[in-house]
C-alpha atoms as a PDB file:
ATOM      1  CA  UNK A   1       0.000   0.000   0.000  1.00  0.00           C
ATOM      2  CA  UNK A   2       1.458   3.347  -1.031  1.00  0.00           C
ATOM      3  CA  UNK A   3       0.585   7.010  -1.023  1.00  0.00           C
ATOM      4  CA  UNK A   4       0.635   7.976  -4.699  1.00  0.00           C
ATOM      5  CA  UNK A   5      -1.207  11.049  -5.884  1.00  0.00           C
ATOM      6  CA  UNK A   6      -1.194  10.139  -9.549  1.00  0.00           C
ATOM      7  CA  UNK A   7      -1.895   6.444  -9.082  1.00  0.00           C
ATOM      8  CA  UNK A   8      -0.416   3.584 -11.064  1.00  0.00           C
ATOM      9  CA  UNK A   9       0.491   4.615 -14.590  1.00  0.00           C
ATOM     10  CA  UNK A  10       0.288   1.007 -15.756  1.00  0.00           C
ATOM     11  CA  UNK A  11      -3.518   0.904 -15.363  1.00  0.00           C
ATOM     12  CA  UNK A  12      -4.663   3.205 -18.110  1.00  0.00           C
ATOM     13  CA  UNK A  13      -8.463   3.441 -17.813  1.00  0.00           C
ATOM     14  CA  UNK A  14      -9.797   5.207 -14.737  1.00  0.00           C
ATOM     15  CA  UNK A  15     -13.285   5.801 -13.325  1.00  0.00           C
ATOM     16  CA  UNK A  16     -13.829   8.100 -10.342  1.00  0.00           C
ATOM     17  CA  UNK A  17     -16.670   7.627  -7.849  1.00  0.00           C
ATOM     18  CA  UNK A  18     -17.285  10.646  -5.587  1.00  0.00           C
ATOM     19  CA  UNK A  19     -19.426  10.522  -2.464  1.00  0.00           C
ATOM     20  CA  UNK A  20     -20.625  14.128  -2.742  1.00  0.00           C
ATOM     21  CA  UNK A  21     -22.029  14.561   0.757  1.00  0.00           C
ATOM     22  CA  UNK A  22     -18.916  13.051   2.331  1.00  0.00           C
ATOM     23  CA  UNK A  23     -16.602  15.258   0.291  1.00  0.00           C
ATOM     24  CA  UNK A  24     -18.638  18.398   1.014  1.00  0.00           C
ATOM     25  CA  UNK A  25     -18.380  17.989   4.775  1.00  0.00           C
ATOM     26  CA  UNK A  26     -14.668  17.080   4.893  1.00  0.00           C
ATOM     27  CA  UNK A  27     -13.804  20.002   2.621  1.00  0.00           C
ATOM     28  CA  UNK A  28     -15.735  22.320   4.897  1.00  0.00           C
ATOM     29  CA  UNK A  29     -13.955  20.906   7.962  1.00  0.00           C
ATOM     30  CA  UNK A  30     -10.410  20.924   6.543  1.00  0.00           C
ATOM     31  CA  UNK A  31     -10.348  23.814   4.040  1.00  0.00           C
ATOM     32  CA  UNK A  32     -13.440  25.878   4.819  1.00  0.00           C
ATOM     33  CA  UNK A  33     -14.197  25.983   1.060  1.00  0.00           C
ATOM     34  CA  UNK A  34     -16.695  24.224  -1.169  1.00  0.00           C
ATOM     35  CA  UNK A  35     -16.272  25.790  -4.620  1.00  0.00           C
ATOM     36  CA  UNK A  36     -14.346  22.851  -6.060  1.00  0.00           C
ATOM     37  CA  UNK A  37     -13.708  22.649  -9.783  1.00  0.00           C
ATOM     38  CA  UNK A  38     -14.650  19.010 -10.353  1.00  0.00           C
ATOM     39  CA  UNK A  39     -13.141  18.879 -13.816  1.00  0.00           C
ATOM     40  CA  UNK A  40      -9.691  19.876 -12.560  1.00  0.00           C
ATOM     41  CA  UNK A  41     -10.164  17.693  -9.483  1.00  0.00           C
ATOM     42  CA  UNK A  42     -10.879  14.628 -11.641  1.00  0.00           C
ATOM     43  CA  UNK A  43      -7.930  15.355 -13.907  1.00  0.00           C
ATOM     44  CA  UNK A  44      -5.555  15.561 -10.946  1.00  0.00           C
ATOM     45  CA  UNK A  45      -6.839  12.300  -9.479  1.00  0.00           C
ATOM     46  CA  UNK A  46      -6.440  10.598 -12.836  1.00  0.00           C
ATOM     47  CA  UNK A  47      -2.960  11.896 -13.538  1.00  0.00           C
ATOM     48  CA  UNK A  48      -1.531  10.864 -16.912  1.00  0.00           C
ATOM     49  CA  UNK A  49      -4.039   8.006 -17.306  1.00  0.00           C
ATOM     50  CA  UNK A  50      -7.221   7.956 -19.390  1.00  0.00           C
ATOM     51  CA  UNK A  51     -10.270   9.305 -17.569  1.00  0.00           C
ATOM     52  CA  UNK A  52     -13.336   7.368 -18.702  1.00  0.00           C
ATOM     53  CA  UNK A  53     -15.975   9.045 -16.518  1.00  0.00           C
ATOM     54  CA  UNK A  54     -16.562  10.679 -13.136  1.00  0.00           C
ATOM     55  CA  UNK A  55     -19.669   9.797 -11.121  1.00  0.00           C
ATOM     56  CA  UNK A  56     -20.933  12.223  -8.495  1.00  0.00           C
ATOM     57  CA  UNK A  57     -23.462  10.932  -5.913  1.00  0.00           C
ATOM     58  CA  UNK A  58     -25.615  12.973  -3.567  1.00  0.00           C
ATOM     59  CA  UNK A  59     -29.213  13.454  -2.431  1.00  0.00           C
ATOM     60  CA  UNK A  60     -31.834  15.985  -3.368  1.00  0.00           C
ATOM     61  CA  UNK A  61     -31.752  18.751  -0.769  1.00  0.00           C
ATOM     62  CA  UNK A  62     -35.373  19.551   0.019  1.00  0.00           C
ATOM     63  CA  UNK A  63     -36.300  21.090   3.345  1.00  0.00           C
ATOM     64  CA  UNK A  64     -39.709  22.608   4.144  1.00  0.00           C
ATOM     65  CA  UNK A  65     -38.036  24.874   6.716  1.00  0.00           C
ATOM     66  CA  UNK A  66     -35.437  26.191   4.259  1.00  0.00           C
ATOM     67  CA  UNK A  67     -36.810  26.561   0.684  1.00  0.00           C
ATOM     68  CA  UNK A  68     -33.610  28.296  -0.482  1.00  0.00           C
ATOM     69  CA  UNK A  69     -31.636  25.109   0.159  1.00  0.00           C
ATOM     70  CA  UNK A  70     -33.133  23.409  -2.888  1.00  0.00           C
ATOM     71  CA  UNK A  71     -32.549  26.495  -5.055  1.00  0.00           C
ATOM     72  CA  UNK A  72     -28.897  26.645  -4.025  1.00  0.00           C
ATOM     73  CA  UNK A  73     -28.405  22.958  -4.802  1.00  0.00           C
ATOM     74  CA  UNK A  74     -30.093  23.358  -8.185  1.00  0.00           C
ATOM     75  CA  UNK A  75     -27.578  26.031  -9.139  1.00  0.00           C
ATOM     76  CA  UNK A  76     -24.738  23.778  -8.015  1.00  0.00           C
ATOM     77  CA  UNK A  77     -26.067  20.741  -9.902  1.00  0.00           C
ATOM     78  CA  UNK A  78     -26.686  22.773 -13.044  1.00  0.00           C
ATOM     79  CA  UNK A  79     -23.019  23.762 -12.999  1.00  0.00           C
ATOM     80  CA  UNK A  80     -22.051  20.097 -12.551  1.00  0.00           C
ATOM     81  CA  UNK A  81     -24.139  19.115 -15.560  1.00  0.00           C
ATOM     82  CA  UNK A  82     -21.920  21.395 -17.653  1.00  0.00           C
ATOM     83  CA  UNK A  83     -18.799  19.435 -16.642  1.00  0.00           C
ATOM     84  CA  UNK A  84     -17.439  17.123 -19.316  1.00  0.00           C
ATOM     85  CA  UNK A  85     -17.587  13.377 -18.645  1.00  0.00           C
ATOM     86  CA  UNK A  86     -19.275  13.823 -15.276  1.00  0.00           C
ATOM     87  CA  UNK A  87     -22.456  11.990 -14.360  1.00  0.00           C
ATOM     88  CA  UNK A  88     -24.709  13.085 -11.472  1.00  0.00           C
ATOM     89  CA  UNK A  89     -26.721  10.469  -9.582  1.00  0.00           C
ATOM     90  CA  UNK A  90     -29.120  11.478  -6.822  1.00  0.00           C
ATOM     91  CA  UNK A  91     -30.583   9.407  -4.013  1.00  0.00           C
ATOM     92  CA  UNK A  92     -33.412  10.237  -1.620  1.00  0.00           C
ATOM     93  CA  UNK A  93     -33.599  11.502   1.943  1.00  0.00           C
ATOM     94  CA  UNK A  94     -35.624  10.575   5.013  1.00  0.00           C
ATOM     95  CA  UNK A  95     -36.498  12.785   7.955  1.00  0.00           C
ATOM     96  CA  UNK A  96     -35.510  11.337  11.325  1.00  0.00           C
ATOM     97  CA  UNK A  97     -36.512  13.803  13.991  1.00  0.00           C
ATOM     98  CA  UNK A  98     -34.615  16.981  13.207  1.00  0.00           C
ATOM     99  CA  UNK A  99     -32.017  15.203  11.071  1.00  0.00           C
ATOM    100  CA  UNK A 100     -32.142  14.576   7.321  1.00  0.00           C
ATOM    101  CA  UNK A 101     -30.664  11.164   6.467  1.00  0.00           C
ATOM    102  CA  UNK A 102     -29.586  10.181   2.944  1.00  0.00           C
ATOM    103  CA  UNK A 103     -30.823   6.872   1.548  1.00  0.00           C
ATOM    104  CA  UNK A 104     -29.609   4.866  -1.424  1.00  0.00           C
ATOM    105  CA  UNK A 105     -26.351   6.713  -2.093  1.00  0.00           C
ATOM    106  CA  UNK A 106     -23.988   4.081  -0.674  1.00  0.00           C
ATOM    107  CA  UNK A 107     -25.851   1.312  -2.477  1.00  0.00           C
ATOM    108  CA  UNK A 108     -25.605   3.168  -5.798  1.00  0.00           C
ATOM    109  CA  UNK A 109     -21.855   3.703  -5.378  1.00  0.00           C
ATOM    110  CA  UNK A 110     -21.220   0.053  -4.459  1.00  0.00           C
ATOM    111  CA  UNK A 111     -23.435  -1.190  -7.305  1.00  0.00           C
ATOM    112  CA  UNK A 112     -21.689   0.987  -9.901  1.00  0.00           C
ATOM    113  CA  UNK A 113     -18.252  -0.011  -8.643  1.00  0.00           C
ATOM    114  CA  UNK A 114     -19.048  -3.705  -9.104  1.00  0.00           C
ATOM    115  CA  UNK A 115     -21.110  -3.390 -12.294  1.00  0.00           C
ATOM    116  CA  UNK A 116     -18.502  -1.389 -14.206  1.00  0.00           C
ATOM    117  CA  UNK A 117     -15.772  -3.743 -13.006  1.00  0.00           C
ATOM    118  CA  UNK A 118     -17.593  -6.804 -14.341  1.00  0.00           C
ATOM    119  CA  UNK A 119     -18.346  -4.968 -17.598  1.00  0.00           C
ATOM    120  CA  UNK A 120     -14.609  -4.185 -17.898  1.00  0.00           C
ATOM    121  CA  UNK A 121     -15.213  -0.449 -18.253  1.00  0.00           C
ATOM    122  CA  UNK A 122     -12.142   0.533 -16.247  1.00  0.00           C
ATOM    123  CA  UNK A 123      -8.799  -0.748 -15.016  1.00  0.00           C
ATOM    124  CA  UNK A 124      -8.643   1.357 -11.843  1.00  0.00           C
ATOM    125  CA  UNK A 125     -11.459   2.682  -9.678  1.00  0.00           C
ATOM    126  CA  UNK A 126     -10.819   5.768  -7.523  1.00  0.00           C
ATOM    127  CA  UNK A 127     -13.246   6.064  -4.619  1.00  0.00           C
ATOM    128  CA  UNK A 128     -13.388   9.550  -3.110  1.00  0.00           C
ATOM    129  CA  UNK A 129     -14.630   8.513   0.323  1.00  0.00           C
ATOM    130  CA  UNK A 130     -13.122   6.986   3.439  1.00  0.00           C
ATOM    131  CA  UNK A 131     -16.369   5.352   4.559  1.00  0.00           C
ATOM    132  CA  UNK A 132     -15.965   1.830   5.928  1.00  0.00           C
ATOM    133  CA  UNK A 133     -19.272   0.709   4.389  1.00  0.00           C
ATOM    134  CA  UNK A 134     -17.638   0.265   0.968  1.00  0.00           C
ATOM    135  CA  UNK A 135     -15.037  -2.349   1.914  1.00  0.00           C
ATOM    136  CA  UNK A 136     -17.125  -5.361   0.678  1.00  0.00           C
ATOM    137  CA  UNK A 137     -17.551  -3.714  -2.726  1.00  0.00           C
ATOM    138  CA  UNK A 138     -13.837  -2.876  -2.870  1.00  0.00           C
ATOM    139  CA  UNK A 139     -12.976  -6.517  -2.238  1.00  0.00           C
ATOM    140  CA  UNK A 140     -15.311  -7.688  -5.020  1.00  0.00           C
ATOM    141  CA  UNK A 141     -13.739  -5.195  -7.441  1.00  0.00           C
ATOM    142  CA  UNK A 142     -10.253  -6.468  -6.611  1.00  0.00           C
ATOM    143  CA  UNK A 143     -11.406 -10.051  -7.098  1.00  0.00           C
ATOM    144  CA  UNK A 144     -12.279  -9.187 -10.709  1.00  0.00           C
ATOM    145  CA  UNK A 145      -8.661  -8.214 -11.344  1.00  0.00           C
ATOM    146  CA  UNK A 146      -9.189  -4.448 -11.112  1.00  0.00           C
ATOM    147  CA  UNK A 147      -7.272  -2.012  -8.939  1.00  0.00           C
ATOM    148  CA  UNK A 148      -8.791   0.193  -6.256  1.00  0.00           C
ATOM    149  CA  UNK A 149      -7.601   3.553  -4.976  1.00  0.00           C
ATOM    150  CA  UNK A 150      -9.176   5.409  -2.054  1.00  0.00           C
ATOM    151  CA  UNK A 151      -8.848   9.198  -1.781  1.00  0.00           C
ATOM    152  CA  UNK A 152      -9.668  10.789   1.570  1.00  0.00           C
ATOM    153  CA  UNK A 153      -8.416  12.981   4.412  1.00  0.00           C
ATOM    154  CA  UNK A 154      -6.788  11.300   7.364  1.00  0.00           C
ATOM    155  CA  UNK A 155      -9.654  12.581   9.494  1.00  0.00           C
ATOM    156  CA  UNK A 156     -12.253  10.516   7.627  1.00  0.00           C
ATOM    157  CA  UNK A 157     -10.220   7.550   6.363  1.00  0.00           C
ATOM    158  CA  UNK A 158     -11.516   4.402   8.046  1.00  0.00           C
ATOM    159  CA  UNK A 159      -9.230   1.476   8.780  1.00  0.00           C
ATOM    160  CA  UNK A 160     -11.378  -0.804   6.567  1.00  0.00           C
ATOM    161  CA  UNK A 161     -11.093   1.499   3.539  1.00  0.00           C
ATOM    162  CA  UNK A 162      -7.329   1.824   4.058  1.00  0.00           C
ATOM    163  CA  UNK A 163      -6.838  -1.922   4.415  1.00  0.00           C
ATOM    164  CA  UNK A 164      -8.881  -2.979   1.368  1.00  0.00           C
ATOM    165  CA  UNK A 165      -7.527  -0.367  -1.065  1.00  0.00           C
ATOM    166  CA  UNK A 166      -4.505  -0.896  -3.305  1.00  0.00           C
ATOM    167  CA  UNK A 167      -3.418   2.763  -3.200  1.00  0.00           C
ATOM    168  CA  UNK A 168      -4.319   5.533  -0.748  1.00  0.00           C
ATOM    169  CA  UNK A 169      -4.471   9.107  -2.031  1.00  0.00           C
ATOM    170  CA  UNK A 170      -4.303  11.252   1.084  1.00  0.00           C
ATOM    171  CA  UNK A 171      -5.824  14.693   0.930  1.00  0.00           C
ATOM    172  CA  UNK A 172      -4.525  17.727   2.755  1.00  0.00           C
ATOM    173  CA  UNK A 173      -5.174  21.424   2.528  1.00  0.00           C
ATOM    174  CA  UNK A 174      -2.495  21.966  -0.125  1.00  0.00           C
ATOM    175  CA  UNK A 175      -3.737  19.136  -2.349  1.00  0.00           C
ATOM    176  CA  UNK A 176      -6.570  21.406  -3.542  1.00  0.00           C
ATOM    177  CA  UNK A 177      -4.390  24.359  -4.467  1.00  0.00           C
ATOM    178  CA  UNK A 178      -5.401  25.490  -7.933  1.00  0.00           C
ATOM    179  CA  UNK A 179      -8.570  23.361  -7.876  1.00  0.00           C
ATOM    180  CA  UNK A 180     -10.921  26.017  -6.538  1.00  0.00           C
ATOM    181  CA  UNK A 181     -13.251  27.986  -8.739  1.00  0.00           C
ATOM    182  CA  UNK A 182     -13.036  31.737  -8.534  1.00  0.00           C
ATOM    183  CA  UNK A 183     -16.148  33.738  -7.756  1.00  0.00           C
ATOM    184  CA  UNK A 184     -16.331  34.997 -11.343  1.00  0.00           C
ATOM    185  CA  UNK A 185     -15.950  31.488 -12.744  1.00  0.00           C
ATOM    186  CA  UNK A 186     -18.619  30.157 -10.426  1.00  0.00           C
ATOM    187  CA  UNK A 187     -21.018  32.924 -11.397  1.00  0.00           C
ATOM    188  CA  UNK A 188     -20.251  32.333 -15.065  1.00  0.00           C
ATOM    189  CA  UNK A 189     -21.084  28.645 -14.751  1.00  0.00           C
ATOM    190  CA  UNK A 190     -24.310  29.461 -12.957  1.00  0.00           C
ATOM    191  CA  UNK A 191     -25.288  31.999 -15.619  1.00  0.00           C
ATOM    192  CA  UNK A 192     -24.448  29.585 -18.415  1.00  0.00           C
ATOM    193  CA  UNK A 193     -26.664  26.922 -16.899  1.00  0.00           C
ATOM    194  CA  UNK A 194     -29.441  29.426 -16.181  1.00  0.00           C
ATOM    195  CA  UNK A 195     -29.641  30.953 -19.669  1.00  0.00           C
ATOM    196  CA  UNK A 196     -29.734  27.605 -21.423  1.00  0.00           C
ATOM    197  CA  UNK A 197     -32.882  27.639 -23.501  1.00  0.00           C
ATOM    198  CA  UNK A 198     -35.615  25.359 -22.231  1.00  0.00           C
ATOM    199  CA  UNK A 199     -36.960  23.094 -24.957  1.00  0.00           C
ATOM    200  CA  UNK A 200     -40.371  21.466 -24.618  1.00  0.00           C
ATOM    201  CA  UNK A 201     -40.985  17.805 -25.337  1.00  0.00           C
ATOM    202  CA  UNK A 202     -43.077  18.671 -28.390  1.00  0.00           C
ATOM    203  CA  UNK A 203     -40.274  20.756 -29.874  1.00  0.00           C
ATOM    204  CA  UNK A 204     -37.607  18.176 -29.065  1.00  0.00           C
ATOM    205  CA  UNK A 205     -39.538  15.337 -30.728  1.00  0.00           C
ATOM    206  CA  UNK A 206     -41.738  16.728 -33.532  1.00  0.00           C
ATOM    207  CA  UNK A 207     -44.730  14.543 -34.262  1.00  0.00           C
ATOM    208  CA  UNK A 208     -43.724  12.353 -31.357  1.00  0.00           C
ATOM    209  CA  UNK A 209     -45.856  13.581 -28.464  1.00  0.00           C
ATOM    210  CA  UNK A 210     -49.272  13.776 -30.194  1.00  0.00           C
ATOM    211  CA  UNK A 211     -49.070  12.071 -33.556  1.00  0.00           C
ATOM    212  CA  UNK A 212     -52.828  11.903 -33.987  1.00  0.00           C
ATOM    213  CA  UNK A 213     -53.282  15.655 -33.601  1.00  0.00           C
ATOM    214  CA  UNK A 214     -50.413  16.330 -35.978  1.00  0.00           C
ATOM    215  CA  UNK A 215     -51.922  14.064 -38.615  1.00  0.00           C
ATOM    216  CA  UNK A 216     -55.274  15.821 -38.394  1.00  0.00           C
ATOM    217  CA  UNK A 217     -53.641  19.232 -38.711  1.00  0.00           C
ATOM    218  CA  UNK A 218     -51.652  18.146 -41.759  1.00  0.00           C
ATOM    219  CA  UNK A 219     -54.639  16.451 -43.387  1.00  0.00           C
ATOM    220  CA  UNK A 220     -53.035  13.044 -43.152  1.00  0.00           C
ATOM    221  CA  UNK A 221     -54.687   9.759 -42.246  1.00  0.00           C
ATOM    222  CA  UNK A 222     -57.997  10.191 -40.425  1.00  0.00           C
ATOM    223  CA  UNK A 223     -58.877   8.470 -37.146  1.00  0.00           C
ATOM    224  CA  UNK A 224     -60.608   5.100 -37.335  1.00  0.00           C
ATOM    225  CA  UNK A 225     -64.038   6.457 -36.321  1.00  0.00           C
ATOM    226  CA  UNK A 226     -64.029   8.970 -39.169  1.00  0.00           C
ATOM    227  CA  UNK A 227     -62.811   6.418 -41.702  1.00  0.00           C
ATOM    228  CA  UNK A 228     -65.550   3.996 -40.606  1.00  0.00           C
ATOM    229  CA  UNK A 229     -68.228   6.702 -40.978  1.00  0.00           C
ATOM    230  CA  UNK A 230     -67.004   7.483 -44.501  1.00  0.00           C
ATOM    231  CA  UNK A 231     -67.185   3.834 -45.562  1.00  0.00           C
ATOM    232  CA  UNK A 232     -70.657   3.488 -44.069  1.00  0.00           C
ATOM    233  CA  UNK A 233     -71.955   6.553 -45.919  1.00  0.00           C
ATOM    234  CA  UNK A 234     -70.475   5.329 -49.187  1.00  0.00           C
ATOM    235  CA  UNK A 235     -72.105   1.920 -48.728  1.00  0.00           C
ATOM    236  CA  UNK A 236     -75.516   3.471 -48.018  1.00  0.00           C
ATOM    237  CA  UNK A 237     -75.203   5.621 -51.136  1.00  0.00           C
ATOM    238  CA  UNK A 238     -74.448   2.601 -53.350  1.00  0.00           C
ATOM    239  CA  UNK A 239     -77.312   0.655 -51.779  1.00  0.00           C
ATOM    240  CA  UNK A 240     -79.783   3.465 -52.487  1.00  0.00           C
ATOM    241  CA  UNK A 241     -78.637   3.692 -56.105  1.00  0.00           C
ATOM    242  CA  UNK A 242     -78.879  -0.066 -56.688  1.00  0.00           C
ATOM    243  CA  UNK A 243     -82.473  -0.164 -55.284  1.00  0.00           C
ATOM    244  CA  UNK A 244     -83.683   2.241 -57.982  1.00  0.00           C
ATOM    245  CA  UNK A 245     -84.054   5.414 -55.930  1.00  0.00           C
ATOM    246  CA  UNK A 246     -81.933   7.330 -58.445  1.00  0.00           C
ATOM    247  CA  UNK A 247     -82.294   7.287 -62.225  1.00  0.00           C
ATOM    248  CA  UNK A 248     -79.887   5.845 -64.725  1.00  0.00           C
ATOM    249  CA  UNK A 249     -78.056   7.606 -67.474  1.00  0.00           C
ATOM    250  CA  UNK A 250     -81.087   7.608 -69.838  1.00  0.00           C
ATOM    251  CA  UNK A 251     -83.649   8.568 -67.229  1.00  0.00           C
ATOM    252  CA  UNK A 252     -84.882   5.065 -66.368  1.00  0.00           C
ATOM    253  CA  UNK A 253     -84.720   3.589 -62.906  1.00  0.00           C
ATOM    254  CA  UNK A 254     -81.797   1.359 -62.209  1.00  0.00           C
ATOM    255  CA  UNK A 255     -82.640  -2.294 -62.552  1.00  0.00           C
ATOM    256  CA  UNK A 256     -82.695  -4.461 -59.496  1.00  0.00           C
ATOM    257  CA  UNK A 257     -79.573  -6.556 -59.404  1.00  0.00           C
ATOM    258  CA  UNK A 258     -80.084 -10.244 -60.011  1.00  0.00           C
ATOM    259  CA  UNK A 259     -79.203 -12.974 -57.579  1.00  0.00           C
ATOM    260  CA  UNK A 260     -75.559 -13.321 -56.710  1.00  0.00           C
ATOM    261  CA  UNK A 261     -75.739 -17.150 -57.294  1.00  0.00           C
ATOM    262  CA  UNK A 262     -74.131 -18.095 -60.601  1.00  0.00           C
ATOM    263  CA  UNK A 263     -75.852 -20.803 -62.601  1.00  0.00           C
ATOM    264  CA  UNK A 264     -73.060 -22.974 -63.923  1.00  0.00           C
ATOM    265  CA  UNK A 265     -73.099 -26.436 -65.502  1.00  0.00           C
ATOM    266  CA  UNK A 266     -72.082 -27.975 -62.195  1.00  0.00           C
ATOM    267  CA  UNK A 267     -75.223 -26.540 -60.559  1.00  0.00           C
ATOM    268  CA  UNK A 268     -77.698 -28.044 -63.056  1.00  0.00           C
ATOM    269  CA  UNK A 269     -80.017 -30.679 -61.692  1.00  0.00           C
ATOM    270  CA  UNK A 270     -79.231 -34.324 -62.323  1.00  0.00           C
ATOM    271  CA  UNK A 271     -82.688 -35.011 -63.777  1.00  0.00           C
ATOM    272  CA  UNK A 272     -82.224 -32.433 -66.538  1.00  0.00           C
ATOM    273  CA  UNK A 273     -78.922 -34.003 -67.492  1.00  0.00           C
ATOM    274  CA  UNK A 274     -80.435 -37.525 -67.647  1.00  0.00           C
ATOM    275  CA  UNK A 275     -83.502 -36.397 -69.586  1.00  0.00           C
ATOM    276  CA  UNK A 276     -81.390 -34.696 -72.200  1.00  0.00           C
ATOM    277  CA  UNK A 277     -79.221 -37.769 -72.549  1.00  0.00           C
ATOM    278  CA  UNK A 278     -76.067 -35.724 -71.940  1.00  0.00           C
ATOM    279  CA  UNK A 279     -73.503 -35.898 -69.218  1.00  0.00           C
ATOM    280  CA  UNK A 280     -72.684 -32.797 -67.244  1.00  0.00           C
ATOM    281  CA  UNK A 281     -69.162 -31.592 -67.902  1.00  0.00           C
ATOM    282  CA  UNK A 282     -66.605 -32.549 -65.296  1.00  0.00           C
ATOM    283  CA  UNK A 283     -69.097 -34.945 -63.697  1.00  0.00           C
ATOM    284  CA  UNK A 284     -68.296 -38.624 -63.140  1.00  0.00           C
ATOM    285  CA  UNK A 285     -70.917 -41.031 -64.484  1.00  0.00           C
ATOM    286  CA  UNK A 286     -72.818 -42.651 -61.665  1.00  0.00           C
ATOM    287  CA  UNK A 287     -73.115 -46.430 -61.971  1.00  0.00           C
ATOM    288  CA  UNK A 288     -76.617 -47.826 -62.533  1.00  0.00           C
ATOM    289  CA  UNK A 289     -78.258 -44.479 -63.369  1.00  0.00           C
ATOM    290  CA  UNK A 290     -77.330 -43.673 -66.938  1.00  0.00           C
ATOM    291  CA  UNK A 291     -79.208 -45.416 -69.759  1.00  0.00           C
ATOM    292  CA  UNK A 292     -77.382 -48.344 -71.267  1.00  0.00           C
ATOM    293  CA  UNK A 293     -75.038 -48.569 -68.368  1.00  0.00           C
ATOM    294  CA  UNK A 294     -72.812 -51.637 -68.479  1.00  0.00           C
ATOM    295  CA  UNK A 295     -72.776 -52.032 -64.716  1.00  0.00           C
ATOM    296  CA  UNK A 296     -74.515 -55.115 -63.342  1.00  0.00           C
ATOM    297  CA  UNK A 297     -77.657 -54.857 -61.267  1.00  0.00           C
ATOM    298  CA  UNK A 298     -77.508 -55.875 -57.675  1.00  0.00           C
ATOM    299  CA  UNK A 299     -78.251 -59.625 -57.251  1.00  0.00           C
ATOM    300  CA  UNK A 300     -80.828 -60.520 -54.639  1.00  0.00           C
ATOM    301  CA  UNK A 301     -80.099 -63.774 -52.791  1.00  0.00           C
ATOM    302  CA  UNK A 302     -82.602 -66.523 -53.691  1.00  0.00           C
ATOM    303  CA  UNK A 303     -83.681 -67.164 -50.116  1.00  0.00           C
ATOM    304  CA  UNK A 304     -84.570 -63.488 -49.676  1.00  0.00           C
ATOM    305  CA  UNK A 305     -86.343 -63.466 -53.063  1.00  0.00           C
ATOM    306  CA  UNK A 306     -88.464 -66.538 -52.195  1.00  0.00           C
ATOM    307  CA  UNK A 307     -89.040 -65.774 -48.529  1.00  0.00           C
ATOM    308  CA  UNK A 308     -88.726 -62.053 -47.763  1.00  0.00           C
ATOM    309  CA  UNK A 309     -89.604 -62.656 -44.118  1.00  0.00           C
ATOM    310  CA  UNK A 310     -86.264 -64.342 -43.563  1.00  0.00           C
ATOM    311  CA  UNK A 311     -84.468 -61.211 -44.765  1.00  0.00           C
ATOM    312  CA  UNK A 312     -85.550 -59.414 -41.593  1.00  0.00           C
ATOM    313  CA  UNK A 313     -82.696 -59.311 -39.078  1.00  0.00           C
ATOM    314  CA  UNK A 314     -83.194 -61.438 -35.993  1.00  0.00           C
ATOM    315  CA  UNK A 315     -83.178 -59.521 -32.720  1.00  0.00           C
ATOM    316  CA  UNK A 316     -80.232 -60.040 -30.366  1.00  0.00           C
ATOM    317  CA  UNK A 317     -82.419 -61.802 -27.775  1.00  0.00           C
ATOM    318  CA  UNK A 318     -83.310 -64.526 -30.341  1.00  0.00           C
ATOM    319  CA  UNK A 319     -87.097 -63.786 -30.408  1.00  0.00           C
ATOM    320  CA  UNK A 320     -88.813 -63.248 -33.759  1.00  0.00           C
ATOM    321  CA  UNK A 321     -91.734 -61.052 -34.606  1.00  0.00           C
ATOM    322  CA  UNK A 322     -94.240 -63.785 -33.595  1.00  0.00           C
ATOM    323  CA  UNK A 323     -92.639 -64.123 -30.143  1.00  0.00           C
ATOM    324  CA  UNK A 324     -91.147 -67.581 -30.687  1.00  0.00           C
ATOM    325  CA  UNK A 325     -87.441 -68.167 -30.078  1.00  0.00           C
ATOM    326  CA  UNK A 326     -85.545 -68.731 -33.293  1.00  0.00           C
ATOM    327  CA  UNK A 327     -81.955 -69.681 -33.827  1.00  0.00           C
ATOM    328  CA  UNK A 328     -79.919 -67.208 -35.828  1.00  0.00           C
ATOM    329  CA  UNK A 329     -78.628 -68.648 -39.059  1.00  0.00           C
ATOM    330  CA  UNK A 330     -75.935 -67.349 -41.268  1.00  0.00           C
ATOM    331  CA  UNK A 331     -76.562 -66.127 -44.783  1.00  0.00           C
ATOM    332  CA  UNK A 332     -74.464 -68.993 -46.187  1.00  0.00           C
ATOM    333  CA  UNK A 333     -76.532 -71.711 -44.450  1.00  0.00           C
ATOM    334  CA  UNK A 334     -79.777 -70.177 -45.708  1.00  0.00           C
ATOM    335  CA  UNK A 335     -78.390 -70.024 -49.240  1.00  0.00           C
ATOM    336  CA  UNK A 336     -77.310 -73.707 -49.171  1.00  0.00           C
ATOM    337  CA  UNK A 337     -80.690 -74.797 -47.805  1.00  0.00           C
ATOM    338  CA  UNK A 338     -82.558 -72.981 -50.574  1.00  0.00           C
ATOM    339  CA  UNK A 339     -80.555 -74.809 -53.255  1.00  0.00           C
ATOM    340  CA  UNK A 340     -81.508 -78.271 -51.978  1.00  0.00           C
END
């Protein structure tokens, strides 16, 4: 473990994770200043390595007792939004008695440290916080093969953060020389953020917020209800014309349309085809119906021809129509008996 302000030059890609609330209070305690130029601060932490991105974490300052607190933070955040390659992430706060407690900030920092490490977005992570709560996340980052540097004052550097980091960047009062914004620069940043033109959603995405209204204004495709009404009116007009309510071209009423059923050769009746002695086109000749057909007639068994009563099927219970029990005989036995 070493104290190296510029870090390890061998690890080229760097991401910086700043605990904003923590840094604000330690700067106030040790330097009595807060107007830090975060662009210059990030560049000094990175040294001669490649700065991928700086993440700044804080909470939304909203106090019913002090409405100006939110306005002051808005001016500060607007200036941060103008900083290149700096991302602002805000958590929430909870009121506990007279104290405002931040919620979600530590979890966001730990989650981003681990997520970007697994996505291989950096080689070295610089955590600007000496809080001991981050030591499990620092260990996970190191287990992925990445390097971890912790930047903090001695007054707020926990033993856990110092033990689990690869490099410690120790702050002192002179570390921030040349990193403060002047009053004119601060005011300029605030004015630049304030005069930025506000663009509405409709202007930013033309025809994206209310596409239906834009179509109607431009005379484009009508809504479904209007299109349905137009088709219905057109259908009623054609129906009235076809029923003879309006005259034709030569002054006579329009004739009533005939049936929609087409009379084709396949729809002609079979009797008309047989009577005319012709076969309907594409129709297969039915056996036993056409005149002069060569198909044989069905042969009636002699026993059924001589004694039709025996052709009646015998019930399953063996009783005939006259109530007497009869034995079921096969058709072959009856045929042999009739030939004797």
